[in-house]
PDB file of N, CA and C in Angstrom:
ATOM      1  N   MET A   1       0.847  -1.169   0.000  1.00  0.00           N
ATOM      2  CA  MET A   1       0.000   0.000   0.000  1.00  0.00           C
ATOM      3  C   MET A   1       0.893   1.232   0.000  1.00  0.00           C
ATOM      4  N   ASN A   2       0.499   2.176  -0.816  1.00  0.00           N
ATOM      5  CA  ASN A   2       1.244   3.406  -0.965  1.00  0.00           C
ATOM      6  C   ASN A   2       0.796   4.407   0.111  1.00  0.00           C
ATOM      7  N   ASN A   3       1.704   4.772   1.011  1.00  0.00           N
ATOM      8  CA  ASN A   3       1.357   5.677   2.115  1.00  0.00           C
ATOM      9  C   ASN A   3       0.968   7.064   1.634  1.00  0.00           C
ATOM     10  N   GLU A   4       1.565   7.507   0.542  1.00  0.00           N
ATOM     11  CA  GLU A   4       1.230   8.822  -0.009  1.00  0.00           C
ATOM     12  C   GLU A   4      -0.228   8.843  -0.480  1.00  0.00           C
ATOM     13  N   LEU A   5      -0.652   7.772  -1.142  1.00  0.00           N
ATOM     14  CA  LEU A   5      -2.047   7.681  -1.585  1.00  0.00           C
ATOM     15  C   LEU A   5      -2.990   7.593  -0.383  1.00  0.00           C
ATOM     16  N   LEU A   6      -2.568   6.894   0.649  1.00  0.00           N
ATOM     17  CA  LEU A   6      -3.377   6.774   1.851  1.00  0.00           C
ATOM     18  C   LEU A   6      -3.607   8.143   2.489  1.00  0.00           C
ATOM     19  N   LEU A   7      -2.570   8.955   2.581  1.00  0.00           N
ATOM     20  CA  LEU A   7      -2.714  10.289   3.163  1.00  0.00           C
ATOM     21  C   LEU A   7      -3.636  11.166   2.331  1.00  0.00           C
ATOM     22  N   LYS A   8      -3.530  11.082   1.005  1.00  0.00           N
ATOM     23  CA  LYS A   8      -4.413  11.858   0.130  1.00  0.00           C
ATOM     24  C   LYS A   8      -5.856  11.394   0.271  1.00  0.00           C
ATOM     25  N   ALA A   9      -6.059  10.090   0.374  1.00  0.00           N
ATOM     26  CA  ALA A   9      -7.411   9.557   0.526  1.00  0.00           C
ATOM     27  C   ALA A   9      -8.002   9.962   1.874  1.00  0.00           C
ATOM     28  N   ARG A  10      -7.160  10.019   2.917  1.00  0.00           N
ATOM     29  CA  ARG A  10      -7.636  10.432   4.254  1.00  0.00           C
ATOM     30  C   ARG A  10      -8.121  11.876   4.256  1.00  0.00           C
ATOM     31  N   GLU A  11      -7.598  12.696   3.330  1.00  0.00           N
ATOM     32  CA  GLU A  11      -8.091  14.070   3.224  1.00  0.00           C
ATOM     33  C   GLU A  11      -9.530  14.087   2.726  1.00  0.00           C
ATOM     34  N   LYS A  12      -9.880  13.148   1.854  1.00  0.00           N
ATOM     35  CA  LYS A  12     -11.237  13.084   1.307  1.00  0.00           C
ATOM     36  C   LYS A  12     -12.191  12.345   2.235  1.00  0.00           C
ATOM     37  N   VAL A  13     -11.697  11.283   2.888  1.00  0.00           N
ATOM     38  CA  VAL A  13     -12.512  10.483   3.810  1.00  0.00           C
ATOM     39  C   VAL A  13     -11.743  10.389   5.123  1.00  0.00           C
ATOM     40  N   PRO A  14     -11.953  11.346   6.031  1.00  0.00           N
ATOM     41  CA  PRO A  14     -11.163  11.383   7.265  1.00  0.00           C
ATOM     42  C   PRO A  14     -11.422  10.249   8.246  1.00  0.00           C
ATOM     43  N   ASP A  15     -12.606   9.658   8.211  1.00  0.00           N
ATOM     44  CA  ASP A  15     -12.919   8.567   9.140  1.00  0.00           C
ATOM     45  C   ASP A  15     -12.219   7.293   8.681  1.00  0.00           C
ATOM     46  N   ALA A  16     -11.358   6.753   9.517  1.00  0.00           N
ATOM     47  CA  ALA A  16     -10.528   5.601   9.140  1.00  0.00           C
ATOM     48  C   ALA A  16     -11.373   4.365   8.821  1.00  0.00           C
ATOM     49  N   LYS A  17     -12.388   4.100   9.631  1.00  0.00           N
ATOM     50  CA  LYS A  17     -13.212   2.914   9.389  1.00  0.00           C
ATOM     51  C   LYS A  17     -13.941   3.003   8.050  1.00  0.00           C
ATOM     52  N   THR A  18     -14.473   4.173   7.755  1.00  0.00           N
ATOM     53  CA  THR A  18     -15.170   4.376   6.489  1.00  0.00           C
ATOM     54  C   THR A  18     -14.209   4.214   5.323  1.00  0.00           C
ATOM     55  N   LEU A  19     -13.022   4.774   5.473  1.00  0.00           N
ATOM     56  CA  LEU A  19     -12.016   4.664   4.418  1.00  0.00           C
ATOM     57  C   LEU A  19     -11.615   3.216   4.190  1.00  0.00           C
ATOM     58  N   ILE A  20     -11.430   2.468   5.243  1.00  0.00           N
ATOM     59  CA  ILE A  20     -11.050   1.056   5.122  1.00  0.00           C
ATOM     60  C   ILE A  20     -12.130   0.266   4.384  1.00  0.00           C
ATOM     61  N   ILE A  21     -13.369   0.458   4.774  1.00  0.00           N
ATOM     62  CA  ILE A  21     -14.467  -0.272   4.149  1.00  0.00           C
ATOM     63  C   ILE A  21     -14.603   0.111   2.685  1.00  0.00           C
ATOM     64  N   LEU A  22     -14.579   1.409   2.405  1.00  0.00           N
ATOM     65  CA  LEU A  22     -14.728   1.898   1.044  1.00  0.00           C
ATOM     66  C   LEU A  22     -13.603   1.389   0.143  1.00  0.00           C
ATOM     67  N   ALA A  23     -12.367   1.509   0.601  1.00  0.00           N
ATOM     68  CA  ALA A  23     -11.220   1.093  -0.200  1.00  0.00           C
ATOM     69  C   ALA A  23     -11.183  -0.425  -0.396  1.00  0.00           C
ATOM     70  N   SER A  24     -11.504  -1.178   0.647  1.00  0.00           N
ATOM     71  CA  SER A  24     -11.438  -2.637   0.512  1.00  0.00           C
ATOM     72  C   SER A  24     -12.537  -3.167  -0.398  1.00  0.00           C
ATOM     73  N   LYS A  25     -13.731  -2.594  -0.314  1.00  0.00           N
ATOM     74  CA  LYS A  25     -14.806  -3.027  -1.213  1.00  0.00           C
ATOM     75  C   LYS A  25     -14.473  -2.697  -2.661  1.00  0.00           C
ATOM     76  N   ARG A  26     -13.916  -1.520  -2.892  1.00  0.00           N
ATOM     77  CA  ARG A  26     -13.547  -1.143  -4.256  1.00  0.00           C
ATOM     78  C   ARG A  26     -12.392  -2.009  -4.760  1.00  0.00           C
ATOM     79  N   ALA A  27     -11.416  -2.298  -3.908  1.00  0.00           N
ATOM     80  CA  ALA A  27     -10.288  -3.151  -4.307  1.00  0.00           C
ATOM     81  C   ALA A  27     -10.790  -4.542  -4.686  1.00  0.00           C
ATOM     82  N   ARG A  28     -11.773  -5.043  -3.963  1.00  0.00           N
ATOM     83  CA  ARG A  28     -12.342  -6.355  -4.292  1.00  0.00           C
ATOM     84  C   ARG A  28     -13.022  -6.317  -5.656  1.00  0.00           C
ATOM     85  N   LEU A  29     -13.771  -5.246  -5.932  1.00  0.00           N
ATOM     86  CA  LEU A  29     -14.407  -5.116  -7.239  1.00  0.00           C
ATOM     87  C   LEU A  29     -13.372  -5.074  -8.357  1.00  0.00           C
ATOM     88  N   LEU A  30     -12.295  -4.340  -8.128  1.00  0.00           N
ATOM     89  CA  LEU A  30     -11.225  -4.267  -9.119  1.00  0.00           C
ATOM     90  C   LEU A  30     -10.591  -5.635  -9.347  1.00  0.00           C
ATOM     91  N   ALA A  31     -10.380  -6.366  -8.276  1.00  0.00           N
ATOM     92  CA  ALA A  31      -9.773  -7.691  -8.386  1.00  0.00           C
ATOM     93  C   ALA A  31     -10.673  -8.661  -9.147  1.00  0.00           C
ATOM     94  N   MET A  32     -11.979  -8.415  -9.081  1.00  0.00           N
ATOM     95  CA  MET A  32     -12.918  -9.296  -9.767  1.00  0.00           C
ATOM     96  C   MET A  32     -13.187  -8.863 -11.203  1.00  0.00           C
ATOM     97  N   GLY A  33     -12.481  -7.816 -11.667  1.00  0.00           N
ATOM     98  CA  GLY A  33     -12.582  -7.445 -13.069  1.00  0.00           C
ATOM     99  C   GLY A  33     -13.182  -6.091 -13.374  1.00  0.00           C
ATOM    100  N   ALA A  34     -13.593  -5.342 -12.372  1.00  0.00           N
ATOM    101  CA  ALA A  34     -14.128  -3.998 -12.637  1.00  0.00           C
ATOM    102  C   ALA A  34     -13.019  -3.109 -13.177  1.00  0.00           C
ATOM    103  N   GLY A  35     -13.377  -2.216 -14.054  1.00  0.00           N
ATOM    104  CA  GLY A  35     -12.384  -1.322 -14.637  1.00  0.00           C
ATOM    105  C   GLY A  35     -12.029  -0.183 -13.702  1.00  0.00           C
ATOM    106  N   PRO A  36     -10.773   0.208 -13.666  1.00  0.00           N
ATOM    107  CA  PRO A  36     -10.377   1.335 -12.814  1.00  0.00           C
ATOM    108  C   PRO A  36     -10.866   2.659 -13.391  1.00  0.00           C
ATOM    109  N   MET A  37     -11.118   3.618 -12.508  1.00  0.00           N
ATOM    110  CA  MET A  37     -11.559   4.950 -12.925  1.00  0.00           C
ATOM    111  C   MET A  37     -10.385   5.909 -13.066  1.00  0.00           C
ATOM    112  N   VAL A  38      -9.186   5.424 -12.829  1.00  0.00           N
ATOM    113  CA  VAL A  38      -7.971   6.230 -12.970  1.00  0.00           C
ATOM    114  C   VAL A  38      -7.009   5.510 -13.911  1.00  0.00           C
ATOM    115  N   HIS A  39      -6.071   6.257 -14.452  1.00  0.00           N
ATOM    116  CA  HIS A  39      -5.052   5.650 -15.309  1.00  0.00           C
ATOM    117  C   HIS A  39      -4.095   4.842 -14.433  1.00  0.00           C
ATOM    118  N   VAL A  40      -3.911   3.580 -14.812  1.00  0.00           N
ATOM    119  CA  VAL A  40      -3.060   2.687 -14.036  1.00  0.00           C
ATOM    120  C   VAL A  40      -1.691   2.617 -14.696  1.00  0.00           C
ATOM    121  N   LYS A  41      -0.667   2.943 -13.914  1.00  0.00           N
ATOM    122  CA  LYS A  41       0.711   2.858 -14.399  1.00  0.00           C
ATOM    123  C   LYS A  41       1.299   1.536 -13.927  1.00  0.00           C
ATOM    124  N   ASN A  42       1.565   0.647 -14.849  1.00  0.00           N
ATOM    125  CA  ASN A  42       2.129  -0.658 -14.499  1.00  0.00           C
ATOM    126  C   ASN A  42       3.584  -0.664 -14.944  1.00  0.00           C
ATOM    127  N   GLU A  43       4.460  -0.179 -14.089  1.00  0.00           N
ATOM    128  CA  GLU A  43       5.871  -0.054 -14.416  1.00  0.00           C
ATOM    129  C   GLU A  43       6.580  -1.395 -14.262  1.00  0.00           C
ATOM    130  N   LEU A  44       7.332  -1.771 -15.252  1.00  0.00           N
ATOM    131  CA  LEU A  44       8.160  -2.979 -15.242  1.00  0.00           C
ATOM    132  C   LEU A  44       7.342  -4.247 -14.985  1.00  0.00           C
ATOM    133  N   ASN A  45       6.102  -4.247 -15.466  1.00  0.00           N
ATOM    134  CA  ASN A  45       5.212  -5.407 -15.341  1.00  0.00           C
ATOM    135  C   ASN A  45       5.052  -5.887 -13.898  1.00  0.00           C
ATOM    136  N   LYS A  46       5.063  -4.953 -12.952  1.00  0.00           N
ATOM    137  CA  LYS A  46       4.791  -5.305 -11.559  1.00  0.00           C
ATOM    138  C   LYS A  46       3.326  -5.672 -11.432  1.00  0.00           C
ATOM    139  N   SER A  47       3.020  -6.479 -10.442  1.00  0.00           N
ATOM    140  CA  SER A  47       1.614  -6.816 -10.236  1.00  0.00           C
ATOM    141  C   SER A  47       0.871  -5.562  -9.783  1.00  0.00           C
ATOM    142  N   ILE A  48      -0.354  -5.451 -10.218  1.00  0.00           N
ATOM    143  CA  ILE A  48      -1.156  -4.269  -9.918  1.00  0.00           C
ATOM    144  C   ILE A  48      -1.716  -4.402  -8.508  1.00  0.00           C
ATOM    145  N   ASN A  49      -1.566  -3.367  -7.713  1.00  0.00           N
ATOM    146  CA  ASN A  49      -2.087  -3.341  -6.355  1.00  0.00           C
ATOM    147  C   ASN A  49      -3.460  -2.675  -6.399  1.00  0.00           C
ATOM    148  N   PHE A  50      -4.516  -3.484  -6.267  1.00  0.00           N
ATOM    149  CA  PHE A  50      -5.868  -2.969  -6.384  1.00  0.00           C
ATOM    150  C   PHE A  50      -6.212  -1.993  -5.261  1.00  0.00           C
ATOM    151  N   LEU A  51      -5.619  -2.166  -4.101  1.00  0.00           N
ATOM    152  CA  LEU A  51      -5.869  -1.239  -3.007  1.00  0.00           C
ATOM    153  C   LEU A  51      -5.319   0.143  -3.339  1.00  0.00           C
ATOM    154  N   ASP A  52      -4.150   0.201  -3.960  1.00  0.00           N
ATOM    155  CA  ASP A  52      -3.594   1.492  -4.365  1.00  0.00           C
ATOM    156  C   ASP A  52      -4.484   2.182  -5.392  1.00  0.00           C
ATOM    157  N   ILE A  53      -5.037   1.399  -6.311  1.00  0.00           N
ATOM    158  CA  ILE A  53      -5.938   1.982  -7.306  1.00  0.00           C
ATOM    159  C   ILE A  53      -7.175   2.543  -6.616  1.00  0.00           C
ATOM    160  N   ALA A  54      -7.737   1.788  -5.681  1.00  0.00           N
ATOM    161  CA  ALA A  54      -8.914   2.253  -4.943  1.00  0.00           C
ATOM    162  C   ALA A  54      -8.598   3.521  -4.157  1.00  0.00           C
ATOM    163  N   LEU A  55      -7.441   3.564  -3.502  1.00  0.00           N
ATOM    164  CA  LEU A  55      -7.052   4.762  -2.746  1.00  0.00           C
ATOM    165  C   LEU A  55      -6.868   5.962  -3.668  1.00  0.00           C
ATOM    166  N   GLU A  56      -6.315   5.727  -4.845  1.00  0.00           N
ATOM    167  CA  GLU A  56      -6.145   6.826  -5.805  1.00  0.00           C
ATOM    168  C   GLU A  56      -7.501   7.337  -6.287  1.00  0.00           C
ATOM    169  N   GLU A  57      -8.440   6.433  -6.515  1.00  0.00           N
ATOM    170  CA  GLU A  57      -9.786   6.851  -6.912  1.00  0.00           C
ATOM    171  C   GLU A  57     -10.432   7.695  -5.820  1.00  0.00           C
ATOM    172  N   ILE A  58     -10.245   7.294  -4.572  1.00  0.00           N
ATOM    173  CA  ILE A  58     -10.799   8.055  -3.450  1.00  0.00           C
ATOM    174  C   ILE A  58     -10.106   9.411  -3.348  1.00  0.00           C
ATOM    175  N   ALA A  59      -8.781   9.420  -3.468  1.00  0.00           N
ATOM    176  CA  ALA A  59      -8.010  10.663  -3.353  1.00  0.00           C
ATOM    177  C   ALA A  59      -8.394  11.668  -4.434  1.00  0.00           C
ATOM    178  N   GLU A  60      -8.749  11.175  -5.605  1.00  0.00           N
ATOM    179  CA  GLU A  60      -9.138  12.073  -6.701  1.00  0.00           C
ATOM    180  C   GLU A  60     -10.612  12.458  -6.639  1.00  0.00           C
ATOM    181  N   GLY A  61     -11.320  11.951  -5.657  1.00  0.00           N
ATOM    182  CA  GLY A  61     -12.729  12.295  -5.493  1.00  0.00           C
ATOM    183  C   GLY A  61     -13.655  11.542  -6.432  1.00  0.00           C
ATOM    184  N   LEU A  62     -13.164  10.481  -7.049  1.00  0.00           N
ATOM    185  CA  LEU A  62     -13.984   9.701  -7.971  1.00  0.00           C
ATOM    186  C   LEU A  62     -14.829   8.661  -7.248  1.00  0.00           C
ATOM    187  N   LEU A  63     -14.445   8.347  -6.044  1.00  0.00           N
ATOM    188  CA  LEU A  63     -15.144   7.343  -5.253  1.00  0.00           C
ATOM    189  C   LEU A  63     -15.393   7.948  -3.881  1.00  0.00           C
ATOM    190  N   ILE A  64     -16.662   8.081  -3.529  1.00  0.00           N
ATOM    191  CA  ILE A  64     -17.006   8.703  -2.254  1.00  0.00           C
ATOM    192  C   ILE A  64     -17.937   7.781  -1.475  1.00  0.00           C
ATOM    193  N   PRO A  65     -17.902   7.855  -0.157  1.00  0.00           N
ATOM    194  CA  PRO A  65     -18.840   7.048   0.627  1.00  0.00           C
ATOM    195  C   PRO A  65     -20.245   7.612   0.469  1.00  0.00           C
ATOM    196  N   ASP A  66     -21.181   6.747   0.196  1.00  0.00           N
ATOM    197  CA  ASP A  66     -22.564   7.170   0.000  1.00  0.00           C
ATOM    198  C   ASP A  66     -23.452   6.285   0.859  1.00  0.00           C
ATOM    199  N   PHE A  67     -23.550   6.626   2.123  1.00  0.00           N
ATOM    200  CA  PHE A  67     -24.353   5.859   3.052  1.00  0.00           C
ATOM    201  C   PHE A  67     -25.623   6.633   3.336  1.00  0.00           C
ATOM    202  N   ASP A  68     -26.748   5.916   3.384  1.00  0.00           N
ATOM    203  CA  ASP A  68     -27.982   6.594   3.730  1.00  0.00           C
ATOM    204  C   ASP A  68     -28.024   6.851   5.235  1.00  0.00           C
ATOM    205  N   ASP A  69     -29.045   7.577   5.650  1.00  0.00           N
ATOM    206  CA  ASP A  69     -29.136   7.958   7.060  1.00  0.00           C
ATOM    207  C   ASP A  69     -29.542   6.794   7.959  1.00  0.00           C
ATOM    208  N   GLN A  70     -30.102   5.766   7.387  1.00  0.00           N
ATOM    209  CA  GLN A  70     -30.571   4.638   8.178  1.00  0.00           C
ATOM    210  C   GLN A  70     -29.509   3.538   8.201  1.00  0.00           C
ATOM    211  N   PRO A  71     -29.071   3.123   9.372  1.00  0.00           N
ATOM    212  CA  PRO A  71     -28.118   2.014   9.434  1.00  0.00           C
ATOM    213  C   PRO A  71     -28.798   0.704   9.055  1.00  0.00           C
ATOM    214  N   ASP A  72     -28.025  -0.203   8.510  1.00  0.00           N
ATOM    215  CA  ASP A  72     -28.555  -1.522   8.191  1.00  0.00           C
ATOM    216  C   ASP A  72     -28.910  -2.236   9.489  1.00  0.00           C
ATOM    217  N   ASP A  73     -30.084  -2.811   9.528  1.00  0.00           N
ATOM    218  CA  ASP A  73     -30.507  -3.549  10.710  1.00  0.00           C
ATOM    219  C   ASP A  73     -30.288  -5.030  10.439  1.00  0.00           C
ATOM    220  N   PHE A  74     -29.070  -5.464  10.626  1.00  0.00           N
ATOM    221  CA  PHE A  74     -28.664  -6.825  10.316  1.00  0.00           C
ATOM    222  C   PHE A  74     -29.433  -7.841  11.149  1.00  0.00           C
ATOM    223  N   MET A  75     -29.637  -7.545  12.403  1.00  0.00           N
ATOM    224  CA  MET A  75     -30.349  -8.477  13.279  1.00  0.00           C
ATOM    225  C   MET A  75     -31.805  -8.632  12.833  1.00  0.00           C
ATOM    226  N   ALA A  76     -32.423  -7.570  12.351  1.00  0.00           N
ATOM    227  CA  ALA A  76     -33.798  -7.663  11.861  1.00  0.00           C
ATOM    228  C   ALA A  76     -33.852  -8.529  10.610  1.00  0.00           C
ATOM    229  N   GLN A  77     -32.837  -8.424   9.758  1.00  0.00           N
ATOM    230  CA  GLN A  77     -32.780  -9.260   8.558  1.00  0.00           C
ATOM    231  C   GLN A  77     -32.646 -10.732   8.940  1.00  0.00           C
ATOM    232  N   ILE A  78     -31.831 -11.026   9.928  1.00  0.00           N
ATOM    233  CA  ILE A  78     -31.664 -12.405  10.386  1.00  0.00           C
ATOM    234  C   ILE A  78     -32.977 -12.927  10.964  1.00  0.00           C
ATOM    235  N   ALA A  79     -33.655 -12.125  11.765  1.00  0.00           N
ATOM    236  CA  ALA A  79     -34.931 -12.532  12.351  1.00  0.00           C
ATOM    237  C   ALA A  79     -35.970 -12.805  11.266  1.00  0.00           C
ATOM    238  N   ALA A  80     -35.973 -11.995  10.210  1.00  0.00           N
ATOM    239  CA  ALA A  80     -36.921 -12.195   9.113  1.00  0.00           C
ATOM    240  C   ALA A  80     -36.648 -13.514   8.395  1.00  0.00           C
ATOM    241  N   VAL A  81     -35.398 -13.829   8.170  1.00  0.00           N
ATOM    242  CA  VAL A  81     -35.042 -15.092   7.515  1.00  0.00           C
ATOM    243  C   VAL A  81     -35.431 -16.272   8.402  1.00  0.00           C
ATOM    244  N   LYS A  82     -35.171 -16.169   9.708  1.00  0.00           N
ATOM    245  CA  LYS A  82     -35.553 -17.240  10.626  1.00  0.00           C
ATOM    246  C   LYS A  82     -37.058 -17.448  10.618  1.00  0.00           C
ATOM    247  N   ALA A  83     -37.818 -16.358  10.550  1.00  0.00           N
ATOM    248  CA  ALA A  83     -39.280 -16.465  10.517  1.00  0.00           C
ATOM    249  C   ALA A  83     -39.740 -17.153   9.235  1.00  0.00           C
ATOM    250  N   GLN A  84     -39.093 -16.839   8.121  1.00  0.00           N
ATOM    251  CA  GLN A  84     -39.443 -17.488   6.850  1.00  0.00           C
ATOM    252  C   GLN A  84     -39.151 -18.979   6.907  1.00  0.00           C
ATOM    253  N   VAL A  85     -38.025 -19.340   7.487  1.00  0.00           N
ATOM    254  CA  VAL A  85     -37.658 -20.752   7.602  1.00  0.00           C
ATOM    255  C   VAL A  85     -38.649 -21.484   8.502  1.00  0.00           C
ATOM    256  N   ALA A  86     -39.016 -20.869   9.617  1.00  0.00           N
ATOM    257  CA  ALA A  86     -39.977 -21.490  10.535  1.00  0.00           C
ATOM    258  C   ALA A  86     -41.335 -21.648   9.863  1.00  0.00           C
ATOM    259  N   ALA A  87     -41.767 -20.652   9.100  1.00  0.00           N
ATOM    260  CA  ALA A  87     -43.050 -20.740   8.396  1.00  0.00           C
ATOM    261  C   ALA A  87     -43.015 -21.848   7.351  1.00  0.00           C
ATOM    262  N   ALA A  88     -41.916 -21.961   6.633  1.00  0.00           N
ATOM    263  CA  ALA A  88     -41.786 -23.018   5.623  1.00  0.00           C
ATOM    264  C   ALA A  88     -41.790 -24.393   6.282  1.00  0.00           C
ATOM    265  N   ALA A  89     -41.127 -24.525   7.413  1.00  0.00           N
ATOM    266  CA  ALA A  89     -41.103 -25.801   8.130  1.00  0.00           C
ATOM    267  C   ALA A  89     -42.496 -26.157   8.631  1.00  0.00           C
ATOM    268  N   ALA A  90     -43.246 -25.183   9.145  1.00  0.00           N
ATOM    269  CA  ALA A  90     -44.601 -25.428   9.628  1.00  0.00           C
ATOM    270  C   ALA A  90     -45.508 -25.835   8.462  1.00  0.00           C
ATOM    271  N   GLU A  91     -45.348 -25.207   7.355  1.00  0.00           N
ATOM    272  CA  GLU A  91     -46.135 -25.532   6.162  1.00  0.00           C
ATOM    273  C   GLU A  91     -45.830 -26.954   5.692  1.00  0.00           C
ATOM    274  N   ARG A  92     -44.592 -27.329   5.732  1.00  0.00           N
ATOM    275  CA  ARG A  92     -44.165 -28.668   5.334  1.00  0.00           C
ATOM    276  C   ARG A  92     -44.760 -29.716   6.284  1.00  0.00           C
ATOM    277  N   ARG A  93     -44.764 -29.413   7.596  1.00  0.00           N
ATOM    278  CA  ARG A  93     -45.334 -30.343   8.564  1.00  0.00           C
ATOM    279  C   ARG A  93     -46.841 -30.526   8.336  1.00  0.00           C
ATOM    280  N   LYS A  94     -47.517 -29.436   7.967  1.00  0.00           N
ATOM    281  CA  LYS A  94     -48.953 -29.524   7.690  1.00  0.00           C
ATOM    282  C   LYS A  94     -49.220 -30.446   6.499  1.00  0.00           C
ATOM    283  N   LYS A  95     -48.384 -30.352   5.489  1.00  0.00           N
ATOM    284  CA  LYS A  95     -48.558 -31.177   4.300  1.00  0.00           C
ATOM    285  C   LYS A  95     -48.266 -32.645   4.606  1.00  0.00           C
ATOM    286  N   GLU A  96     -47.343 -32.915   5.519  1.00  0.00           N
ATOM    287  CA  GLU A  96     -47.006 -34.290   5.892  1.00  0.00           C
ATOM    288  C   GLU A  96     -48.109 -34.951   6.704  1.00  0.00           C
ATOM    289  N   ASP A  97     -48.879 -34.162   7.459  1.00  0.00           N
ATOM    290  CA  ASP A  97     -49.957 -34.724   8.324  1.00  0.00           C
ATOM    291  C   ASP A  97     -51.168 -35.041   7.550  1.00  0.00           C
TER     292      ASP A  97
END
């Protein structure tokens, strides 16, 4: 990871946790084949560091955190799935009887 790019990205996204999540998610997308939004310099056929590309995109303001005001309620999602599974199991038991 390029420390200079990290410092520039921290100017755009000062919260470290947000920056980590944003950069790592973008690096994963790049690794899976997404195209970079910045010009990539691959000197001497070195392997491309997707995290550096993500940090450069953030530093240039091309990638910004866009979170809505409502936090994800992960526990509510889990409870909903459990309820669906229980309903399906009850329905299956009714059909067996």
